[in-house]
Amino acid sequence: MVCLYILYIPVIYVAKVLRGIRFETQLYNDFKKVASAGGYTVTGAFERFMTGCLENGVLVFPERGTAGFEAEARVLVDWLRKGKRFYYGEGGVELNIGGRLILLLPKVCDSELRRTMEEVLKGSVIEQEQSSMLPGPLMENAEVYQRRLGLIE
């Protein structure tokens, strides 16, 4: 006597696209190390890269050393929020904070920092326009400053 049992289990398959990409072995291994150091798998890191490109609507490749630009941008944004307009750069040259932030905009990869930079820059222009329309001591001080620089006589 033979007993035959058939077990039927309904299975739902979730479709996942499988694509093959060829990489150089050394490139793949180096990327794998970088991804795992960041807490990602290779697939997860690549997926996050693609998501970031789609969110920004552009294919962006990070430049080497952007962390330094982003740190500088964060400091300058903080100074501009506090009302500081100029700072002394290398060699004691006085630099405009707003101008430097505009130069840093294309070098900053962090989209949230870029939005913050844009907002602070727009706000600083509005503040400058409002303060230049104020009569009284502020305008007198501006005239004294211009005379010292030799801009007016």
Protein backbone atom coordinates (compact mmCIF):
# COMPACT_ATOMS: atom_id res chain seq x y z
CA MET A 1 0.00 0.00 0.00
CA VAL A 2 1.42 3.32 -1.10
CA CYS A 3 0.25 6.53 0.42
CA LEU A 4 0.91 9.64 -1.56
CA TYR A 5 0.29 13.06 -0.09
CA ILE A 6 0.38 16.18 -2.16
CA LEU A 7 0.91 19.40 -0.35
CA TYR A 8 -0.30 22.49 -2.12
CA ILE A 9 0.97 25.84 -0.85
CA PRO A 10 -0.01 28.95 -2.76
CA VAL A 11 3.04 31.12 -3.37
CA ILE A 12 3.01 34.73 -4.44
CA TYR A 13 6.02 35.79 -6.43
CA VAL A 14 7.20 39.37 -6.25
CA ALA A 15 8.79 40.38 -9.49
CA LYS A 16 12.18 42.04 -9.24
CA VAL A 17 14.07 43.26 -12.22
CA LEU A 18 17.40 41.54 -12.63
CA ARG A 19 19.95 43.39 -14.69
CA GLY A 20 23.53 42.45 -15.26
CA ILE A 21 26.29 45.06 -15.29
CA ARG A 22 29.94 44.27 -15.91
CA PHE A 23 32.59 46.00 -13.82
CA GLU A 24 36.32 45.68 -13.56
CA THR A 25 37.11 43.37 -10.66
CA GLN A 26 39.27 45.88 -8.79
CA LEU A 27 36.69 48.65 -9.25
CA TYR A 28 33.92 46.41 -7.91
CA ASN A 29 35.99 45.30 -4.91
CA ASP A 30 36.94 48.89 -4.04
CA PHE A 31 33.32 50.03 -4.35
CA LYS A 32 32.21 47.10 -2.21
CA LYS A 33 34.60 48.21 0.56
CA VAL A 34 33.34 51.79 0.41
CA ALA A 35 29.70 50.66 0.41
CA SER A 36 30.18 48.31 3.37
CA ALA A 37 32.02 51.05 5.30
CA GLY A 38 28.91 53.19 4.82
CA GLY A 39 26.64 50.37 5.99
CA TYR A 40 25.34 49.43 2.54
CA THR A 41 25.49 46.48 0.23
CA VAL A 42 26.71 47.15 -3.30
CA THR A 43 23.15 46.91 -4.58
CA GLY A 44 21.84 49.18 -1.81
CA ALA A 45 24.49 51.81 -2.46
CA PHE A 46 23.85 51.76 -6.20
CA GLU A 47 20.09 51.96 -5.62
CA ARG A 48 20.56 54.96 -3.31
CA PHE A 49 22.72 56.64 -5.96
CA MET A 50 20.00 56.13 -8.57
CA THR A 51 17.32 57.45 -6.19
CA GLY A 52 19.38 60.59 -5.51
CA CYS A 53 19.79 61.19 -9.24
CA LEU A 54 16.05 60.88 -9.79
CA GLU A 55 15.22 63.19 -6.85
CA ASN A 56 17.53 65.89 -8.20
CA GLY A 57 16.54 65.27 -11.80
CA VAL A 58 20.16 65.08 -12.88
CA LEU A 59 23.01 62.61 -12.91
CA VAL A 60 25.44 63.91 -10.31
CA PHE A 61 28.90 62.56 -9.67
CA PRO A 62 30.50 63.70 -6.42
CA GLU A 63 33.80 65.49 -6.82
CA ARG A 64 36.73 64.52 -4.67
CA GLY A 65 37.02 66.65 -1.57
CA THR A 66 33.44 67.96 -1.53
CA ALA A 67 33.30 67.49 2.24
CA GLY A 68 35.62 70.50 2.62
CA PHE A 69 33.37 72.65 0.42
CA GLU A 70 30.29 71.55 2.32
CA ALA A 71 31.89 72.31 5.70
CA GLU A 72 32.92 75.76 4.46
CA ALA A 73 29.41 76.37 3.11
CA ARG A 74 27.81 75.41 6.45
CA VAL A 75 30.05 77.85 8.34
CA LEU A 76 29.40 80.66 5.86
CA VAL A 77 25.63 80.05 5.98
CA ASP A 78 25.76 80.31 9.76
CA TRP A 79 27.74 83.57 9.59
CA LEU A 80 25.38 85.05 7.01
CA ARG A 81 22.36 84.16 9.17
CA LYS A 82 24.00 86.02 12.05
CA GLY A 83 24.41 89.12 9.90
CA LYS A 84 28.08 88.88 9.06
CA ARG A 85 28.72 89.95 5.46
CA PHE A 86 32.51 89.70 5.05
CA TYR A 87 35.36 87.56 6.35
CA TYR A 88 39.10 87.47 5.93
CA GLY A 89 40.28 84.71 3.61
CA GLU A 90 43.76 83.52 2.77
CA GLY A 91 46.37 86.25 2.83
CA GLY A 92 44.11 88.59 4.80
CA VAL A 93 41.92 89.35 1.78
CA GLU A 94 38.41 90.48 2.72
CA LEU A 95 35.82 88.25 1.01
CA ASN A 96 32.08 88.65 0.61
CA ILE A 97 30.24 85.73 2.23
CA GLY A 98 27.34 85.82 -0.23
CA GLY A 99 29.70 85.80 -3.20
CA ARG A 100 31.66 82.88 -1.80
CA LEU A 101 28.45 80.91 -1.18
CA ILE A 102 27.40 81.47 -4.80
CA LEU A 103 30.74 80.05 -5.94
CA LEU A 104 30.30 77.04 -3.64
CA LEU A 105 26.76 76.20 -4.83
CA PRO A 106 27.80 73.98 -7.77
CA LYS A 107 30.39 72.18 -5.63
CA VAL A 108 27.97 71.19 -2.84
CA CYS A 109 26.39 67.76 -3.38
CA ASP A 110 24.08 67.71 -0.34
CA SER A 111 20.68 68.81 -1.69
CA GLU A 112 19.42 69.93 1.73
CA LEU A 113 22.48 72.14 2.24
CA ARG A 114 22.02 73.61 -1.26
CA ARG A 115 18.40 74.52 -0.45
CA THR A 116 19.51 76.13 2.81
CA MET A 117 22.23 78.09 1.02
CA GLU A 118 19.73 79.38 -1.54
CA GLU A 119 17.24 80.43 1.15
CA VAL A 120 19.87 82.25 3.20
CA LEU A 121 21.27 84.00 0.12
CA LYS A 122 17.81 85.14 -0.95
CA GLY A 123 17.07 86.32 2.59
CA SER A 124 20.31 88.28 2.81
CA VAL A 125 19.54 90.17 -0.41
CA ILE A 126 16.11 91.15 0.92
CA GLU A 127 17.67 92.33 4.20
CA GLN A 128 20.25 94.42 2.33
CA GLU A 129 17.57 96.04 0.16
CA GLN A 130 15.48 96.91 3.21
CA SER A 131 18.43 98.32 5.18
CA SER A 132 19.60 100.46 2.24
CA MET A 133 16.18 102.16 2.17
CA LEU A 134 16.40 103.19 5.84
CA PRO A 135 17.02 106.93 6.39
CA GLY A 136 19.01 108.45 9.20
CA PRO A 137 22.18 107.22 10.89
CA LEU A 138 22.54 104.10 8.77
CA MET A 139 22.72 106.11 5.55
CA GLU A 140 25.06 108.66 7.18
CA ASN A 141 27.38 105.84 8.23
CA ALA A 142 27.34 104.50 4.68
CA GLU A 143 28.36 107.93 3.36
CA VAL A 144 31.20 108.17 5.90
CA TYR A 145 32.42 104.72 4.89
CA GLN A 146 32.29 105.64 1.19
CA ARG A 147 34.27 108.83 1.86
CA ARG A 148 36.96 106.86 3.70
CA LEU A 149 37.28 104.55 0.73
CA GLY A 150 37.49 107.52 -1.62
CA LEU A 151 34.36 106.52 -3.51
CA ILE A 152 32.73 109.92 -2.99
CA GLU A 153 34.13 113.36 -2.14
